[in-house]
C-alpha atoms as a PDB file:
ATOM      1  CA  MET A   1      98.914 119.909  71.219  1.00  0.00           C
ATOM      2  CA  GLY A   2     100.177 122.759  73.427  1.00  0.00           C
ATOM      3  CA  THR A   3     103.702 124.086  73.660  1.00  0.00           C
ATOM      4  CA  GLN A   4     104.208 122.575  77.134  1.00  0.00           C
ATOM      5  CA  THR A   5     103.142 119.137  75.930  1.00  0.00           C
ATOM      6  CA  ARG A   6     105.357 119.290  72.832  1.00  0.00           C
ATOM      7  CA  ARG A   7     108.317 120.433  74.957  1.00  0.00           C
ATOM      8  CA  ARG A   8     107.792 117.600  77.465  1.00  0.00           C
ATOM      9  CA  ILE A   9     107.513 114.999  74.694  1.00  0.00           C
ATOM     10  CA  GLY A  10     110.663 116.375  73.049  1.00  0.00           C
ATOM     11  CA  ILE A  11     112.644 116.141  76.284  1.00  0.00           C
ATOM     12  CA  LEU A  12     111.442 112.609  76.977  1.00  0.00           C
ATOM     13  CA  GLN A  13     112.348 111.497  73.452  1.00  0.00           C
ATOM     14  CA  ALA A  14     115.771 113.137  73.598  1.00  0.00           C
ATOM     15  CA  LEU A  15     116.564 111.308  76.834  1.00  0.00           C
ATOM     16  CA  GLN A  16     114.958 108.075  75.568  1.00  0.00           C
ATOM     17  CA  ILE A  17     112.579 108.055  78.523  1.00  0.00           C
ATOM     18  CA  ASP A  18     109.602 105.825  77.965  1.00  0.00           C
ATOM     19  CA  ARG A  19     108.016 104.922  81.301  1.00  0.00           C
ATOM     20  CA  LEU A  20     107.151 106.224  84.742  1.00  0.00           C
ATOM     21  CA  VAL A  21     108.438 103.848  87.413  1.00  0.00           C
ATOM     22  CA  TYR A  22     108.177 105.932  90.592  1.00  0.00           C
ATOM     23  CA  TYR A  23     106.353 108.973  91.887  1.00  0.00           C
ATOM     24  CA  GLU A  24     105.329 110.609  95.136  1.00  0.00           C
ATOM     25  CA  SER A  25     102.348 112.846  95.856  1.00  0.00           C
ATOM     26  CA  PHE A  26     102.531 115.960  98.025  1.00  0.00           C
ATOM     27  CA  ASP A  27      99.949 118.434  99.276  1.00  0.00           C
ATOM     28  CA  ASP A  28     102.495 121.242  99.440  1.00  0.00           C
ATOM     29  CA  VAL A  29     104.699 122.007  96.436  1.00  0.00           C
ATOM     30  CA  ARG A  30     107.518 123.150  98.736  1.00  0.00           C
ATOM     31  CA  ASN A  31     107.684 119.683 100.280  1.00  0.00           C
ATOM     32  CA  ALA A  32     107.785 118.149  96.791  1.00  0.00           C
ATOM     33  CA  ILE A  33     110.642 120.430  95.750  1.00  0.00           C
ATOM     34  CA  ASP A  34     112.590 119.629  98.927  1.00  0.00           C
ATOM     35  CA  ARG A  35     112.116 115.889  98.357  1.00  0.00           C
ATOM     36  CA  GLU A  36     113.191 116.176  94.713  1.00  0.00           C
ATOM     37  CA  LYS A  37     116.357 118.029  95.733  1.00  0.00           C
ATOM     38  CA  ARG A  38     117.180 115.349  98.308  1.00  0.00           C
ATOM     39  CA  ILE A  39     116.687 112.509  95.824  1.00  0.00           C
ATOM     40  CA  LYS A  40     118.737 114.282  93.132  1.00  0.00           C
ATOM     41  CA  GLY A  41     121.676 114.251  95.546  1.00  0.00           C
ATOM     42  CA  TRP A  42     121.547 110.478  95.976  1.00  0.00           C
ATOM     43  CA  LEU A  43     123.754 107.988  94.183  1.00  0.00           C
ATOM     44  CA  ARG A  44     122.098 106.094  91.320  1.00  0.00           C
ATOM     45  CA  ILE A  45     122.075 102.826  93.310  1.00  0.00           C
ATOM     46  CA  LYS A  46     120.110 104.439  96.146  1.00  0.00           C
ATOM     47  CA  LYS A  47     117.570 105.833  93.653  1.00  0.00           C
ATOM     48  CA  MET A  48     117.190 102.387  92.110  1.00  0.00           C
ATOM     49  CA  GLN A  49     116.677 100.858  95.566  1.00  0.00           C
ATOM     50  CA  LEU A  50     113.910 103.381  96.233  1.00  0.00           C
ATOM     51  CA  ILE A  51     112.172 102.438  92.970  1.00  0.00           C
ATOM     52  CA  VAL A  52     112.518  98.710  93.626  1.00  0.00           C
ATOM     53  CA  SER A  53     111.116  99.119  97.144  1.00  0.00           C
ATOM     54  CA  VAL A  54     107.748 100.217  95.725  1.00  0.00           C
ATOM     55  CA  ASN A  55     107.864  98.889  92.142  1.00  0.00           C
ATOM     56  CA  PRO A  56     110.114  95.798  92.076  1.00  0.00           C
ATOM     57  CA  THR A  57     109.269  94.867  88.476  1.00  0.00           C
ATOM     58  CA  TRP A  58     109.641  98.434  87.151  1.00  0.00           C
ATOM     59  CA  ASN A  59     106.084  98.479  85.800  1.00  0.00           C
ATOM     60  CA  ASP A  60     105.022 101.567  83.854  1.00  0.00           C
ATOM     61  CA  LEU A  61     102.886 103.682  86.208  1.00  0.00           C
ATOM     62  CA  SER A  62     102.046 106.416  83.689  1.00  0.00           C
ATOM     63  CA  GLY A  63      98.538 105.119  82.999  1.00  0.00           C
ATOM     64  CA  ASP A  64      97.204 106.893  86.080  1.00  0.00           C
ATOM     65  CA  GLY A  65      97.893 110.385  84.698  1.00  0.00           C
ATOM     66  CA  THR A  66     100.458 111.408  87.280  1.00  0.00           C
ATOM     67  CA  SER A  67     103.926 112.763  86.808  1.00  0.00           C
ATOM     68  CA  GLY A  68     107.079 111.786  88.594  1.00  0.00           C
ATOM     69  CA  ILE A  69     110.415 110.151  88.104  1.00  0.00           C
ATOM     70  CA  PHE A  70     110.884 108.525  84.688  1.00  0.00           C
ATOM     71  CA  THR A  71     113.472 106.023  83.612  1.00  0.00           C
ATOM     72  CA  SER A  72     115.293 105.449  80.363  1.00  0.00           C
ATOM     73  CA  ARG A  73     115.118 102.304  78.282  1.00  0.00           C
ATOM     74  CA  THR A  74     118.544 101.254  79.546  1.00  0.00           C
ATOM     75  CA  ASN A  75     117.217 100.328  83.017  1.00  0.00           C
ATOM     76  CA  PRO A  76     115.609  96.963  83.843  1.00  0.00           C
END
């Protein structure tokens, strides 16, 4: 297991994050960074509404090998 993988697993465990519930794909990393900055500025309720709009049952989407926004065990 590489350092990056161990670091990512450690962060996810520390934050009690166990599933991917939302992600977006971008062709240009600059667009992805801009979108991430916009979403980070939103209130929690607006972020939850975004997730529910595409994943109403909060299914774990991590099986497809992508990365994105994760949620902690405290969410529905």
